Amino acid sequence: MKWLLEIGDKQEYEEKLGENYVHIPNDYLSSDIITDIYGEKFDPSDSTLQSKVIVAGKNIEVMELNNQVLERM
């Protein structure tokens, strides 16, 4: 959590990597973020889905993720 707050406050990362780049620790990376967030199988009527979110930096990435989620329903 501290790491995210530091990024939000632009602490240290701007000086080290420039204003357009942020180093993301390997612990925060995923090869299958949809499964990591929603599980292997999920039911669209499951009430817990509304409390889960995947944040992406660009609209094209959001659309790709949305399409992948819809394909799994």
Protein backbone atom coordinates (compact mmCIF):
# COMPACT_ATOMS: atom_id res chain seq x y z
CA MET A 1 0.00 0.00 0.00
CA LYS A 2 2.85 2.38 0.85
CA TRP A 3 4.24 1.82 -2.65
CA LEU A 4 0.96 2.96 -4.24
CA LEU A 5 0.80 6.04 -2.04
CA GLU A 6 4.36 6.96 -3.03
CA ILE A 7 3.41 6.72 -6.70
CA GLY A 8 0.32 8.86 -6.10
CA ASP A 9 2.44 11.46 -4.33
CA LYS A 10 5.12 11.18 -7.07
CA GLN A 11 7.76 10.41 -4.45
CA GLU A 12 11.16 9.19 -5.63
CA TYR A 13 9.89 7.50 -8.81
CA GLU A 14 9.84 10.69 -10.84
CA GLU A 15 13.49 11.44 -10.08
CA LYS A 16 14.66 7.87 -10.77
CA LEU A 17 12.67 7.01 -13.87
CA GLY A 18 11.32 10.24 -15.30
CA GLU A 19 7.78 11.51 -15.10
CA ASN A 20 6.37 9.04 -17.68
CA TYR A 21 7.70 5.82 -16.15
CA VAL A 22 7.01 3.93 -12.94
CA HIS A 23 8.76 0.74 -11.88
CA ILE A 24 6.24 -1.92 -10.84
CA PRO A 25 7.59 -4.58 -8.46
CA ASN A 26 7.32 -8.18 -9.69
CA ASP A 27 4.97 -9.00 -6.79
CA TYR A 28 2.33 -6.80 -8.45
CA LEU A 29 2.60 -8.36 -11.91
CA SER A 30 0.26 -11.08 -13.18
CA SER A 31 0.26 -13.36 -16.19
CA ASP A 32 -3.54 -13.80 -15.92
CA ILE A 33 -5.04 -10.87 -14.06
CA ILE A 34 -8.63 -11.86 -14.80
CA THR A 35 -8.24 -15.24 -13.09
CA ASP A 36 -6.30 -13.62 -10.24
CA ILE A 37 -9.14 -11.16 -9.59
CA TYR A 38 -12.27 -13.14 -10.48
CA GLY A 39 -11.17 -16.77 -10.15
CA GLU A 40 -11.04 -19.58 -12.71
CA LYS A 41 -14.82 -19.75 -13.18
CA PHE A 42 -17.28 -17.09 -12.19
CA ASP A 43 -21.03 -16.62 -12.35
CA PRO A 44 -22.30 -13.25 -13.65
CA SER A 45 -25.02 -13.29 -10.98
CA ASP A 46 -22.44 -13.62 -8.18
CA SER A 47 -22.91 -10.57 -5.93
CA THR A 48 -19.19 -10.40 -5.08
CA LEU A 49 -18.30 -9.42 -8.66
CA GLN A 50 -19.42 -5.85 -8.04
CA SER A 51 -16.75 -5.41 -5.38
CA LYS A 52 -13.88 -6.41 -7.70
CA VAL A 53 -12.15 -4.19 -10.21
CA ILE A 54 -9.25 -4.22 -12.63
CA VAL A 55 -7.73 -0.82 -13.33
CA ALA A 56 -5.98 -0.20 -16.64
CA GLY A 57 -4.08 2.82 -17.91
CA LYS A 58 -5.65 3.15 -21.34
CA ASN A 59 -9.16 2.72 -22.74
CA ILE A 60 -7.95 0.16 -25.30
CA GLU A 61 -6.61 -1.99 -22.44
CA VAL A 62 -9.92 -1.64 -20.59
CA MET A 63 -11.84 -2.76 -23.68
CA GLU A 64 -9.55 -5.77 -24.17
CA LEU A 65 -9.95 -6.83 -20.54
CA ASN A 66 -13.73 -6.31 -20.68
CA ASN A 67 -13.96 -8.49 -23.78
CA GLN A 68 -11.89 -11.23 -22.14
CA VAL A 69 -14.11 -11.15 -19.03
CA LEU A 70 -17.27 -11.32 -21.16
CA GLU A 71 -15.88 -14.32 -23.08
CA ARG A 72 -15.44 -16.19 -19.79
CA MET A 73 -19.05 -15.64 -18.67
